PDB file of N, CA and C in Angstrom:
ATOM      1  N   MET A   1      17.977 -36.627   3.795  1.00  0.00           N
ATOM      2  CA  MET A   1      18.518 -35.640   2.876  1.00  0.00           C
ATOM      3  C   MET A   1      17.386 -34.918   2.159  1.00  0.00           C
ATOM      4  N   ALA A   2      17.655 -33.694   1.778  1.00  0.00           N
ATOM      5  CA  ALA A   2      16.634 -32.857   1.148  1.00  0.00           C
ATOM      6  C   ALA A   2      16.544 -33.065  -0.359  1.00  0.00           C
ATOM      7  N   GLY A   3      17.335 -33.961  -0.888  1.00  0.00           N
ATOM      8  CA  GLY A   3      17.246 -34.255  -2.308  1.00  0.00           C
ATOM      9  C   GLY A   3      18.382 -33.740  -3.146  1.00  0.00           C
ATOM     10  N   CYS A   4      19.369 -33.103  -2.538  1.00  0.00           N
ATOM     11  CA  CYS A   4      20.478 -32.577  -3.339  1.00  0.00           C
ATOM     12  C   CYS A   4      21.658 -33.545  -3.385  1.00  0.00           C
ATOM     13  N   GLY A   5      21.572 -34.638  -2.628  1.00  0.00           N
ATOM     14  CA  GLY A   5      22.603 -35.656  -2.684  1.00  0.00           C
ATOM     15  C   GLY A   5      23.781 -35.444  -1.751  1.00  0.00           C
ATOM     16  N   LEU A   6      23.778 -34.392  -0.979  1.00  0.00           N
ATOM     17  CA  LEU A   6      24.866 -34.126  -0.042  1.00  0.00           C
ATOM     18  C   LEU A   6      24.380 -34.342   1.385  1.00  0.00           C
ATOM     19  N   GLY A   7      25.343 -34.545   2.295  1.00  0.00           N
ATOM     20  CA  GLY A   7      25.004 -34.717   3.698  1.00  0.00           C
ATOM     21  C   GLY A   7      24.284 -33.492   4.237  1.00  0.00           C
ATOM     22  N   GLU A   8      23.366 -33.734   5.138  1.00  0.00           N
ATOM     23  CA  GLU A   8      22.533 -32.637   5.638  1.00  0.00           C
ATOM     24  C   GLU A   8      23.086 -32.065   6.939  1.00  0.00           C
ATOM     25  N   SER A   9      23.308 -30.773   6.935  1.00  0.00           N
ATOM     26  CA  SER A   9      23.617 -30.017   8.144  1.00  0.00           C
ATOM     27  C   SER A   9      22.806 -28.737   8.050  1.00  0.00           C
ATOM     28  N   THR A  10      22.627 -28.052   9.165  1.00  0.00           N
ATOM     29  CA  THR A  10      21.853 -26.813   9.104  1.00  0.00           C
ATOM     30  C   THR A  10      22.555 -25.789   8.222  1.00  0.00           C
ATOM     31  N   HIS A  11      23.872 -25.728   8.305  1.00  0.00           N
ATOM     32  CA  HIS A  11      24.633 -24.781   7.480  1.00  0.00           C
ATOM     33  C   HIS A  11      24.410 -25.068   6.001  1.00  0.00           C
ATOM     34  N   HIS A  12      24.508 -26.329   5.626  1.00  0.00           N
ATOM     35  CA  HIS A  12      24.304 -26.689   4.221  1.00  0.00           C
ATOM     36  C   HIS A  12      22.852 -26.458   3.802  1.00  0.00           C
ATOM     37  N   LEU A  13      21.913 -26.968   4.580  1.00  0.00           N
ATOM     38  CA  LEU A  13      20.500 -26.907   4.202  1.00  0.00           C
ATOM     39  C   LEU A  13      20.008 -25.488   4.016  1.00  0.00           C
ATOM     40  N   PHE A  14      20.345 -24.584   4.933  1.00  0.00           N
ATOM     41  CA  PHE A  14      19.791 -23.238   4.895  1.00  0.00           C
ATOM     42  C   PHE A  14      20.617 -22.237   4.105  1.00  0.00           C
ATOM     43  N   LEU A  15      21.880 -22.551   3.798  1.00  0.00           N
ATOM     44  CA  LEU A  15      22.713 -21.565   3.117  1.00  0.00           C
ATOM     45  C   LEU A  15      23.311 -22.038   1.797  1.00  0.00           C
ATOM     46  N   HIS A  16      23.722 -23.296   1.706  1.00  0.00           N
ATOM     47  CA  HIS A  16      24.497 -23.709   0.543  1.00  0.00           C
ATOM     48  C   HIS A  16      23.860 -24.793  -0.315  1.00  0.00           C
ATOM     49  N   CYS A  17      22.740 -25.318   0.095  1.00  0.00           N
ATOM     50  CA  CYS A  17      22.076 -26.367  -0.673  1.00  0.00           C
ATOM     51  C   CYS A  17      21.675 -25.816  -2.044  1.00  0.00           C
ATOM     52  N   GLU A  18      21.993 -26.556  -3.096  1.00  0.00           N
ATOM     53  CA  GLU A  18      21.656 -26.061  -4.435  1.00  0.00           C
ATOM     54  C   GLU A  18      20.157 -25.952  -4.651  1.00  0.00           C
ATOM     55  N   ILE A  19      19.380 -26.705  -3.907  1.00  0.00           N
ATOM     56  CA  ILE A  19      17.923 -26.636  -4.032  1.00  0.00           C
ATOM     57  C   ILE A  19      17.373 -25.410  -3.311  1.00  0.00           C
ATOM     58  N   PHE A  20      17.762 -25.208  -2.058  1.00  0.00           N
ATOM     59  CA  PHE A  20      17.183 -24.145  -1.251  1.00  0.00           C
ATOM     60  C   PHE A  20      18.016 -22.864  -1.218  1.00  0.00           C
ATOM     61  N   GLY A  21      19.284 -22.940  -1.568  1.00  0.00           N
ATOM     62  CA  GLY A  21      20.153 -21.768  -1.493  1.00  0.00           C
ATOM     63  C   GLY A  21      19.696 -20.603  -2.348  1.00  0.00           C
ATOM     64  N   SER A  22      19.077 -20.873  -3.486  1.00  0.00           N
ATOM     65  CA  SER A  22      18.638 -19.788  -4.368  1.00  0.00           C
ATOM     66  C   SER A  22      17.450 -19.025  -3.806  1.00  0.00           C
ATOM     67  N   LEU A  23      16.755 -19.583  -2.818  1.00  0.00           N
ATOM     68  CA  LEU A  23      15.618 -18.879  -2.220  1.00  0.00           C
ATOM     69  C   LEU A  23      16.056 -17.529  -1.665  1.00  0.00           C
ATOM     70  N   TRP A  24      17.238 -17.467  -1.045  1.00  0.00           N
ATOM     71  CA  TRP A  24      17.717 -16.211  -0.448  1.00  0.00           C
ATOM     72  C   TRP A  24      17.919 -15.134  -1.511  1.00  0.00           C
ATOM     73  N   GLN A  25      18.394 -15.524  -2.701  1.00  0.00           N
ATOM     74  CA  GLN A  25      18.567 -14.537  -3.771  1.00  0.00           C
ATOM     75  C   GLN A  25      17.214 -14.015  -4.243  1.00  0.00           C
ATOM     76  N   TYR A  26      16.235 -14.883  -4.348  1.00  0.00           N
ATOM     77  CA  TYR A  26      14.878 -14.440  -4.713  1.00  0.00           C
ATOM     78  C   TYR A  26      14.336 -13.465  -3.677  1.00  0.00           C
ATOM     79  N   ILE A  27      14.583 -13.741  -2.404  1.00  0.00           N
ATOM     80  CA  ILE A  27      14.135 -12.849  -1.331  1.00  0.00           C
ATOM     81  C   ILE A  27      14.798 -11.488  -1.467  1.00  0.00           C
ATOM     82  N   ARG A  28      16.111 -11.472  -1.654  1.00  0.00           N
ATOM     83  CA  ARG A  28      16.833 -10.191  -1.789  1.00  0.00           C
ATOM     84  C   ARG A  28      16.347  -9.414  -3.009  1.00  0.00           C
ATOM     85  N   ASP A  29      16.112 -10.107  -4.110  1.00  0.00           N
ATOM     86  CA  ASP A  29      15.602  -9.440  -5.312  1.00  0.00           C
ATOM     87  C   ASP A  29      14.213  -8.853  -5.066  1.00  0.00           C
ATOM     88  N   TRP A  30      13.355  -9.595  -4.385  1.00  0.00           N
ATOM     89  CA  TRP A  30      11.995  -9.130  -4.101  1.00  0.00           C
ATOM     90  C   TRP A  30      12.020  -7.896  -3.210  1.00  0.00           C
ATOM     91  N   ILE A  31      12.851  -7.918  -2.180  1.00  0.00           N
ATOM     92  CA  ILE A  31      12.923  -6.792  -1.263  1.00  0.00           C
ATOM     93  C   ILE A  31      13.711  -5.632  -1.864  1.00  0.00           C
ATOM     94  N   GLY A  32      14.621  -5.940  -2.772  1.00  0.00           N
ATOM     95  CA  GLY A  32      15.394  -4.887  -3.426  1.00  0.00           C
ATOM     96  C   GLY A  32      16.631  -4.476  -2.659  1.00  0.00           C
ATOM     97  N   ILE A  33      17.231  -5.414  -1.944  1.00  0.00           N
ATOM     98  CA  ILE A  33      18.452  -5.102  -1.213  1.00  0.00           C
ATOM     99  C   ILE A  33      19.483  -6.199  -1.447  1.00  0.00           C
ATOM    100  N   SER A  34      20.738  -5.825  -1.292  1.00  0.00           N
ATOM    101  CA  SER A  34      21.797  -6.818  -1.429  1.00  0.00           C
ATOM    102  C   SER A  34      22.298  -7.276  -0.075  1.00  0.00           C
ATOM    103  N   GLY A  35      21.986  -6.539   0.970  1.00  0.00           N
ATOM    104  CA  GLY A  35      22.390  -6.891   2.324  1.00  0.00           C
ATOM    105  C   GLY A  35      21.487  -6.187   3.310  1.00  0.00           C
ATOM    106  N   VAL A  36      21.770  -6.366   4.560  1.00  0.00           N
ATOM    107  CA  VAL A  36      20.949  -5.766   5.607  1.00  0.00           C
ATOM    108  C   VAL A  36      21.711  -4.617   6.237  1.00  0.00           C
ATOM    109  N   ASP A  37      21.072  -3.486   6.376  1.00  0.00           N
ATOM    110  CA  ASP A  37      21.643  -2.343   7.074  1.00  0.00           C
ATOM    111  C   ASP A  37      21.411  -2.546   8.567  1.00  0.00           C
ATOM    112  N   PRO A  38      22.453  -2.877   9.325  1.00  0.00           N
ATOM    113  CA  PRO A  38      22.246  -3.199  10.740  1.00  0.00           C
ATOM    114  C   PRO A  38      21.845  -2.005  11.590  1.00  0.00           C
ATOM    115  N   PHE A  39      21.894  -0.790  11.044  1.00  0.00           N
ATOM    116  CA  PHE A  39      21.580   0.397  11.818  1.00  0.00           C
ATOM    117  C   PHE A  39      20.136   0.853  11.660  1.00  0.00           C
ATOM    118  N   THR A  40      19.390   0.222  10.774  1.00  0.00           N
ATOM    119  CA  THR A  40      17.992   0.571  10.569  1.00  0.00           C
ATOM    120  C   THR A  40      17.132  -0.432  11.304  1.00  0.00           C
ATOM    121  N   LEU A  41      16.581  -0.020  12.433  1.00  0.00           N
ATOM    122  CA  LEU A  41      15.847  -0.940  13.300  1.00  0.00           C
ATOM    123  C   LEU A  41      14.646  -1.557  12.603  1.00  0.00           C
ATOM    124  N   GLN A  42      13.832  -0.762  11.929  1.00  0.00           N
ATOM    125  CA  GLN A  42      12.643  -1.310  11.263  1.00  0.00           C
ATOM    126  C   GLN A  42      13.048  -2.364  10.243  1.00  0.00           C
ATOM    127  N   ARG A  43      14.017  -2.051   9.419  1.00  0.00           N
ATOM    128  CA  ARG A  43      14.439  -2.988   8.390  1.00  0.00           C
ATOM    129  C   ARG A  43      15.029  -4.234   9.032  1.00  0.00           C
ATOM    130  N   ARG A  44      15.814  -4.055  10.092  1.00  0.00           N
ATOM    131  CA  ARG A  44      16.429  -5.207  10.751  1.00  0.00           C
ATOM    132  C   ARG A  44      15.349  -6.113  11.334  1.00  0.00           C
ATOM    133  N   SER A  45      14.315  -5.544  11.929  1.00  0.00           N
ATOM    134  CA  SER A  45      13.226  -6.351  12.484  1.00  0.00           C
ATOM    135  C   SER A  45      12.527  -7.149  11.394  1.00  0.00           C
ATOM    136  N   ILE A  46      12.260  -6.524  10.278  1.00  0.00           N
ATOM    137  CA  ILE A  46      11.632  -7.217   9.148  1.00  0.00           C
ATOM    138  C   ILE A  46      12.552  -8.315   8.634  1.00  0.00           C
ATOM    139  N   MET A  47      13.841  -8.034   8.541  1.00  0.00           N
ATOM    140  CA  MET A  47      14.780  -9.035   8.047  1.00  0.00           C
ATOM    141  C   MET A  47      14.899 -10.211   9.011  1.00  0.00           C
ATOM    142  N   GLN A  48      14.829  -9.952  10.296  1.00  0.00           N
ATOM    143  CA  GLN A  48      14.856 -11.055  11.258  1.00  0.00           C
ATOM    144  C   GLN A  48      13.614 -11.923  11.105  1.00  0.00           C
ATOM    145  N   MET A  49      12.464 -11.282  10.954  1.00  0.00           N
ATOM    146  CA  MET A  49      11.233 -12.032  10.752  1.00  0.00           C
ATOM    147  C   MET A  49      11.305 -12.818   9.443  1.00  0.00           C
ATOM    148  N   LEU A  50      11.833 -12.195   8.415  1.00  0.00           N
ATOM    149  CA  LEU A  50      11.964 -12.845   7.118  1.00  0.00           C
ATOM    150  C   LEU A  50      12.902 -14.047   7.207  1.00  0.00           C
ATOM    151  N   TRP A  51      13.999 -13.906   7.918  1.00  0.00           N
ATOM    152  CA  TRP A  51      14.945 -15.005   8.094  1.00  0.00           C
ATOM    153  C   TRP A  51      14.255 -16.185   8.789  1.00  0.00           C
ATOM    154  N   LEU A  52      13.553 -15.922   9.877  1.00  0.00           N
ATOM    155  CA  LEU A  52      12.868 -17.000  10.592  1.00  0.00           C
ATOM    156  C   LEU A  52      11.804 -17.665   9.716  1.00  0.00           C
ATOM    157  N   LEU A  53      11.090 -16.866   8.967  1.00  0.00           N
ATOM    158  CA  LEU A  53      10.077 -17.412   8.072  1.00  0.00           C
ATOM    159  C   LEU A  53      10.712 -18.300   7.000  1.00  0.00           C
ATOM    160  N   CYS A  54      11.805 -17.850   6.418  1.00  0.00           N
ATOM    161  CA  CYS A  54      12.475 -18.649   5.382  1.00  0.00           C
ATOM    162  C   CYS A  54      12.989 -19.968   5.939  1.00  0.00           C
ATOM    163  N   VAL A  55      13.549 -19.919   7.140  1.00  0.00           N
ATOM    164  CA  VAL A  55      14.001 -21.165   7.770  1.00  0.00           C
ATOM    165  C   VAL A  55      12.821 -22.100   7.963  1.00  0.00           C
ATOM    166  N   TRP A  56      11.697 -21.566   8.396  1.00  0.00           N
ATOM    167  CA  TRP A  56      10.496 -22.375   8.593  1.00  0.00           C
ATOM    168  C   TRP A  56      10.006 -22.980   7.279  1.00  0.00           C
ATOM    169  N   ILE A  57       9.980 -22.176   6.209  1.00  0.00           N
ATOM    170  CA  ILE A  57       9.549 -22.643   4.883  1.00  0.00           C
ATOM    171  C   ILE A  57      10.486 -23.738   4.374  1.00  0.00           C
ATOM    172  N   VAL A  58      11.799 -23.508   4.471  1.00  0.00           N
ATOM    173  CA  VAL A  58      12.779 -24.502   4.011  1.00  0.00           C
ATOM    174  C   VAL A  58      12.645 -25.788   4.820  1.00  0.00           C
ATOM    175  N   TRP A  59      12.517 -25.667   6.128  1.00  0.00           N
ATOM    176  CA  TRP A  59      12.402 -26.851   6.971  1.00  0.00           C
ATOM    177  C   TRP A  59      11.150 -27.663   6.619  1.00  0.00           C
ATOM    178  N   ASN A  60      10.028 -26.991   6.420  1.00  0.00           N
ATOM    179  CA  ASN A  60       8.809 -27.700   6.023  1.00  0.00           C
ATOM    180  C   ASN A  60       8.952 -28.358   4.659  1.00  0.00           C
ATOM    181  N   GLU A  61       9.583 -27.667   3.727  1.00  0.00           N
ATOM    182  CA  GLU A  61       9.788 -28.243   2.404  1.00  0.00           C
ATOM    183  C   GLU A  61      10.714 -29.448   2.479  1.00  0.00           C
ATOM    184  N   ARG A  62      11.753 -29.330   3.285  1.00  0.00           N
ATOM    185  CA  ARG A  62      12.676 -30.456   3.485  1.00  0.00           C
ATOM    186  C   ARG A  62      11.914 -31.662   4.021  1.00  0.00           C
ATOM    187  N   ASN A  63      11.047 -31.449   5.007  1.00  0.00           N
ATOM    188  CA  ASN A  63      10.269 -32.551   5.570  1.00  0.00           C
ATOM    189  C   ASN A  63       9.292 -33.127   4.557  1.00  0.00           C
ATOM    190  N   ASN A  64       8.680 -32.276   3.749  1.00  0.00           N
ATOM    191  CA  ASN A  64       7.774 -32.766   2.704  1.00  0.00           C
ATOM    192  C   ASN A  64       8.516 -33.631   1.700  1.00  0.00           C
ATOM    193  N   ARG A  65       9.725 -33.233   1.343  1.00  0.00           N
ATOM    194  CA  ARG A  65      10.515 -34.013   0.385  1.00  0.00           C
ATOM    195  C   ARG A  65      10.903 -35.370   0.969  1.00  0.00           C
ATOM    196  N   ILE A  66      11.260 -35.384   2.234  1.00  0.00           N
ATOM    197  CA  ILE A  66      11.718 -36.626   2.861  1.00  0.00           C
ATOM    198  C   ILE A  66      10.553 -37.542   3.224  1.00  0.00           C
ATOM    199  N   PHE A  67       9.530 -36.990   3.871  1.00  0.00           N
ATOM    200  CA  PHE A  67       8.483 -37.830   4.437  1.00  0.00           C
ATOM    201  C   PHE A  67       7.246 -37.989   3.555  1.00  0.00           C
ATOM    202  N   LYS A  68       7.004 -37.044   2.655  1.00  0.00           N
ATOM    203  CA  LYS A  68       5.811 -37.131   1.810  1.00  0.00           C
ATOM    204  C   LYS A  68       6.147 -37.331   0.338  1.00  0.00           C
ATOM    205  N   ASN A  69       7.443 -37.299   0.026  1.00  0.00           N
ATOM    206  CA  ASN A  69       7.913 -37.483  -1.342  1.00  0.00           C
ATOM    207  C   ASN A  69       7.268 -36.474  -2.303  1.00  0.00           C
ATOM    208  N   THR A  70       7.130 -35.222  -1.840  1.00  0.00           N
ATOM    209  CA  THR A  70       6.606 -34.147  -2.674  1.00  0.00           C
ATOM    210  C   THR A  70       7.657 -33.045  -2.780  1.00  0.00           C
ATOM    211  N   GLN A  71       7.580 -32.279  -3.845  1.00  0.00           N
ATOM    212  CA  GLN A  71       8.524 -31.182  -4.043  1.00  0.00           C
ATOM    213  C   GLN A  71       7.793 -29.939  -4.513  1.00  0.00           C
ATOM    214  N   THR A  72       8.215 -28.803  -3.981  1.00  0.00           N
ATOM    215  CA  THR A  72       7.700 -27.505  -4.403  1.00  0.00           C
ATOM    216  C   THR A  72       8.848 -26.781  -5.082  1.00  0.00           C
ATOM    217  N   ASN A  73       8.587 -26.170  -6.242  1.00  0.00           N
ATOM    218  CA  ASN A  73       9.673 -25.465  -6.932  1.00  0.00           C
ATOM    219  C   ASN A  73      10.017 -24.172  -6.206  1.00  0.00           C
ATOM    220  N   ILE A  74      11.162 -23.621  -6.526  1.00  0.00           N
ATOM    221  CA  ILE A  74      11.698 -22.472  -5.795  1.00  0.00           C
ATOM    222  C   ILE A  74      10.808 -21.239  -5.931  1.00  0.00           C
ATOM    223  N   ILE A  75      10.185 -21.043  -7.079  1.00  0.00           N
ATOM    224  CA  ILE A  75       9.297 -19.892  -7.274  1.00  0.00           C
ATOM    225  C   ILE A  75       8.080 -20.015  -6.353  1.00  0.00           C
ATOM    226  N   ASP A  76       7.514 -21.196  -6.237  1.00  0.00           N
ATOM    227  CA  ASP A  76       6.378 -21.394  -5.339  1.00  0.00           C
ATOM    228  C   ASP A  76       6.785 -21.246  -3.877  1.00  0.00           C
ATOM    229  N   LEU A  77       8.018 -21.639  -3.532  1.00  0.00           N
ATOM    230  CA  LEU A  77       8.504 -21.407  -2.172  1.00  0.00           C
ATOM    231  C   LEU A  77       8.602 -19.909  -1.903  1.00  0.00           C
ATOM    232  N   MET A  78       9.053 -19.169  -2.896  1.00  0.00           N
ATOM    233  CA  MET A  78       9.142 -17.718  -2.754  1.00  0.00           C
ATOM    234  C   MET A  78       7.757 -17.120  -2.524  1.00  0.00           C
ATOM    235  N   GLU A  79       6.776 -17.585  -3.255  1.00  0.00           N
ATOM    236  CA  GLU A  79       5.410 -17.101  -3.084  1.00  0.00           C
ATOM    237  C   GLU A  79       4.872 -17.435  -1.688  1.00  0.00           C
ATOM    238  N   LYS A  80       5.255 -18.597  -1.163  1.00  0.00           N
ATOM    239  CA  LYS A  80       4.867 -18.943   0.209  1.00  0.00           C
ATOM    240  C   LYS A  80       5.469 -17.956   1.198  1.00  0.00           C
ATOM    241  N   VAL A  81       6.717 -17.575   0.969  1.00  0.00           N
ATOM    242  CA  VAL A  81       7.375 -16.611   1.847  1.00  0.00           C
ATOM    243  C   VAL A  81       6.614 -15.289   1.834  1.00  0.00           C
ATOM    244  N   LYS A  82       6.295 -14.788   0.644  1.00  0.00           N
ATOM    245  CA  LYS A  82       5.556 -13.527   0.533  1.00  0.00           C
ATOM    246  C   LYS A  82       4.214 -13.605   1.249  1.00  0.00           C
ATOM    247  N   TYR A  83       3.499 -14.670   0.997  1.00  0.00           N
ATOM    248  CA  TYR A  83       2.166 -14.844   1.567  1.00  0.00           C
ATOM    249  C   TYR A  83       2.229 -14.934   3.097  1.00  0.00           C
ATOM    250  N   HIS A  84       3.099 -15.784   3.601  1.00  0.00           N
ATOM    251  CA  HIS A  84       3.178 -15.968   5.050  1.00  0.00           C
ATOM    252  C   HIS A  84       3.707 -14.727   5.762  1.00  0.00           C
ATOM    253  N   LEU A  85       4.684 -14.033   5.177  1.00  0.00           N
ATOM    254  CA  LEU A  85       5.183 -12.817   5.806  1.00  0.00           C
ATOM    255  C   LEU A  85       4.080 -11.760   5.868  1.00  0.00           C
ATOM    256  N   PHE A  86       3.323 -11.647   4.794  1.00  0.00           N
ATOM    257  CA  PHE A  86       2.204 -10.709   4.784  1.00  0.00           C
ATOM    258  C   PHE A  86       1.249 -10.999   5.941  1.00  0.00           C
ATOM    259  N   TRP A  87       0.864 -12.257   6.099  1.00  0.00           N
ATOM    260  CA  TRP A  87      -0.101 -12.597   7.151  1.00  0.00           C
ATOM    261  C   TRP A  87       0.507 -12.518   8.543  1.00  0.00           C
ATOM    262  N   TRP A  88       1.791 -12.794   8.705  1.00  0.00           N
ATOM    263  CA  TRP A  88       2.444 -12.609  10.004  1.00  0.00           C
ATOM    264  C   TRP A  88       2.433 -11.128  10.384  1.00  0.00           C
ATOM    265  N   LEU A  89       2.715 -10.270   9.405  1.00  0.00           N
ATOM    266  CA  LEU A  89       2.701  -8.831   9.674  1.00  0.00           C
ATOM    267  C   LEU A  89       1.292  -8.354  10.008  1.00  0.00           C
ATOM    268  N   LYS A  90       0.316  -8.802   9.245  1.00  0.00           N
ATOM    269  CA  LYS A  90      -1.066  -8.411   9.507  1.00  0.00           C
ATOM    270  C   LYS A  90      -1.525  -8.897  10.881  1.00  0.00           C
ATOM    271  N   ALA A  91      -1.103 -10.063  11.305  1.00  0.00           N
ATOM    272  CA  ALA A  91      -1.476 -10.589  12.622  1.00  0.00           C
ATOM    273  C   ALA A  91      -0.917  -9.724  13.743  1.00  0.00           C
ATOM    274  N   ASN A  92       0.164  -8.991  13.455  1.00  0.00           N
ATOM    275  CA  ASN A  92       0.759  -8.087  14.443  1.00  0.00           C
ATOM    276  C   ASN A  92       0.335  -6.644  14.212  1.00  0.00           C
ATOM    277  N   ASN A  93      -0.764  -6.460  13.463  1.00  0.00           N
ATOM    278  CA  ASN A  93      -1.350  -5.141  13.209  1.00  0.00           C
ATOM    279  C   ASN A  93      -0.406  -4.159  12.524  1.00  0.00           C
ATOM    280  N   VAL A  94       0.432  -4.658  11.658  1.00  0.00           N
ATOM    281  CA  VAL A  94       1.292  -3.772  10.880  1.00  0.00           C
ATOM    282  C   VAL A  94       0.427  -3.056   9.848  1.00  0.00           C
ATOM    283  N   LYS A  95       0.600  -1.756   9.752  1.00  0.00           N
ATOM    284  CA  LYS A  95      -0.147  -0.952   8.784  1.00  0.00           C
ATOM    285  C   LYS A  95       0.675  -0.825   7.503  1.00  0.00           C
ATOM    286  N   PHE A  96       0.023  -1.057   6.385  1.00  0.00           N
ATOM    287  CA  PHE A  96       0.673  -0.942   5.093  1.00  0.00           C
ATOM    288  C   PHE A  96       0.410   0.459   4.545  1.00  0.00           C
ATOM    289  N   VAL A  97       1.477   1.239   4.394  1.00  0.00           N
ATOM    290  CA  VAL A  97       1.366   2.628   3.977  1.00  0.00           C
ATOM    291  C   VAL A  97       0.722   2.746   2.601  1.00  0.00           C
ATOM    292  N   TYR A  98       1.135   1.911   1.654  1.00  0.00           N
ATOM    293  CA  TYR A  98       0.639   2.003   0.286  1.00  0.00           C
ATOM    294  C   TYR A  98      -0.326   0.881  -0.076  1.00  0.00           C
ATOM    295  N   GLY A  99      -0.819   0.149   0.892  1.00  0.00           N
ATOM    296  CA  GLY A  99      -1.789  -0.899   0.615  1.00  0.00           C
ATOM    297  C   GLY A  99      -1.147  -2.244   0.345  1.00  0.00           C
ATOM    298  N   THR A 100      -1.987  -3.240   0.404  1.00  0.00           N
ATOM    299  CA  THR A 100      -1.490  -4.601   0.288  1.00  0.00           C
ATOM    300  C   THR A 100      -1.127  -5.014  -1.136  1.00  0.00           C
ATOM    301  N   ILE A 101      -1.725  -4.398  -2.115  1.00  0.00           N
ATOM    302  CA  ILE A 101      -1.394  -4.743  -3.500  1.00  0.00           C
ATOM    303  C   ILE A 101       0.067  -4.411  -3.798  1.00  0.00           C
ATOM    304  N   ARG A 102       0.527  -3.304  -3.258  1.00  0.00           N
ATOM    305  CA  ARG A 102       1.920  -2.897  -3.439  1.00  0.00           C
ATOM    306  C   ARG A 102       2.889  -3.877  -2.781  1.00  0.00           C
ATOM    307  N   TRP A 103       2.427  -4.590  -1.755  1.00  0.00           N
ATOM    308  CA  TRP A 103       3.239  -5.547  -1.005  1.00  0.00           C
ATOM    309  C   TRP A 103       3.973  -6.521  -1.916  1.00  0.00           C
ATOM    310  N   TRP A 104       3.299  -7.021  -2.930  1.00  0.00           N
ATOM    311  CA  TRP A 104       3.881  -8.055  -3.786  1.00  0.00           C
ATOM    312  C   TRP A 104       5.028  -7.527  -4.628  1.00  0.00           C
ATOM    313  N   SER A 105       5.006  -6.245  -4.976  1.00  0.00           N
ATOM    314  CA  SER A 105       6.073  -5.726  -5.834  1.00  0.00           C
ATOM    315  C   SER A 105       7.149  -4.944  -5.080  1.00  0.00           C
ATOM    316  N   ASP A 106       6.788  -4.294  -3.972  1.00  0.00           N
ATOM    317  CA  ASP A 106       7.761  -3.500  -3.232  1.00  0.00           C
ATOM    318  C   ASP A 106       7.426  -3.522  -1.739  1.00  0.00           C
ATOM    319  N   PRO A 107       7.832  -4.582  -1.041  1.00  0.00           N
ATOM    320  CA  PRO A 107       7.400  -4.765   0.341  1.00  0.00           C
ATOM    321  C   PRO A 107       7.892  -3.687   1.303  1.00  0.00           C
ATOM    322  N   LEU A 108       9.125  -3.227   1.164  1.00  0.00           N
ATOM    323  CA  LEU A 108       9.626  -2.220   2.084  1.00  0.00           C
ATOM    324  C   LEU A 108       8.887  -0.908   1.919  1.00  0.00           C
ATOM    325  N   LEU A 109       8.635  -0.499   0.678  1.00  0.00           N
ATOM    326  CA  LEU A 109       7.885   0.725   0.429  1.00  0.00           C
ATOM    327  C   LEU A 109       6.466   0.613   0.979  1.00  0.00           C
ATOM    328  N   SER A 110       5.841  -0.554   0.801  1.00  0.00           N
ATOM    329  CA  SER A 110       4.473  -0.705   1.298  1.00  0.00           C
ATOM    330  C   SER A 110       4.417  -0.638   2.820  1.00  0.00           C
ATOM    331  N   LEU A 111       5.532  -0.910   3.491  1.00  0.00           N
ATOM    332  CA  LEU A 111       5.608  -0.814   4.940  1.00  0.00           C
ATOM    333  C   LEU A 111       6.089   0.563   5.396  1.00  0.00           C
ATOM    334  N   GLY A 112       6.407   1.425   4.440  1.00  0.00           N
ATOM    335  CA  GLY A 112       6.883   2.763   4.784  1.00  0.00           C
ATOM    336  C   GLY A 112       8.351   2.796   5.183  1.00  0.00           C
ATOM    337  N   ILE A 113       9.108   1.802   4.751  1.00  0.00           N
ATOM    338  CA  ILE A 113      10.548   1.723   5.046  1.00  0.00           C
ATOM    339  C   ILE A 113      11.292   2.051   3.763  1.00  0.00           C
ATOM    340  N   ASP A 114      12.122   3.074   3.817  1.00  0.00           N
ATOM    341  CA  ASP A 114      12.883   3.410   2.606  1.00  0.00           C
ATOM    342  C   ASP A 114      14.317   2.983   2.720  1.00  0.00           C
TER     343      ASP A 114
END
């Protein structure tokens, strides 16, 4: 179990767990959207990458809690998401229209996605 006291399933762990569920709201607030526009290819690609990254972050945190008896707070998990997404994008030669400093406050604008 990830520490919330409920049975573990992928649905619970990644969407409804009281510990990890709030991560998605932090992500939406950071990006500045309430949902995904399925007709915008660039945004959809970023959101797919973001989803996979968040699953990876949550899964690693879950394993750290179970096997290493360590915990990272939700704000630090959010910072990990920002950091890792930035470096995943840079590894794929994504150009930042407004520079990397803007990335932390407005990621879509820094990527030239409105």
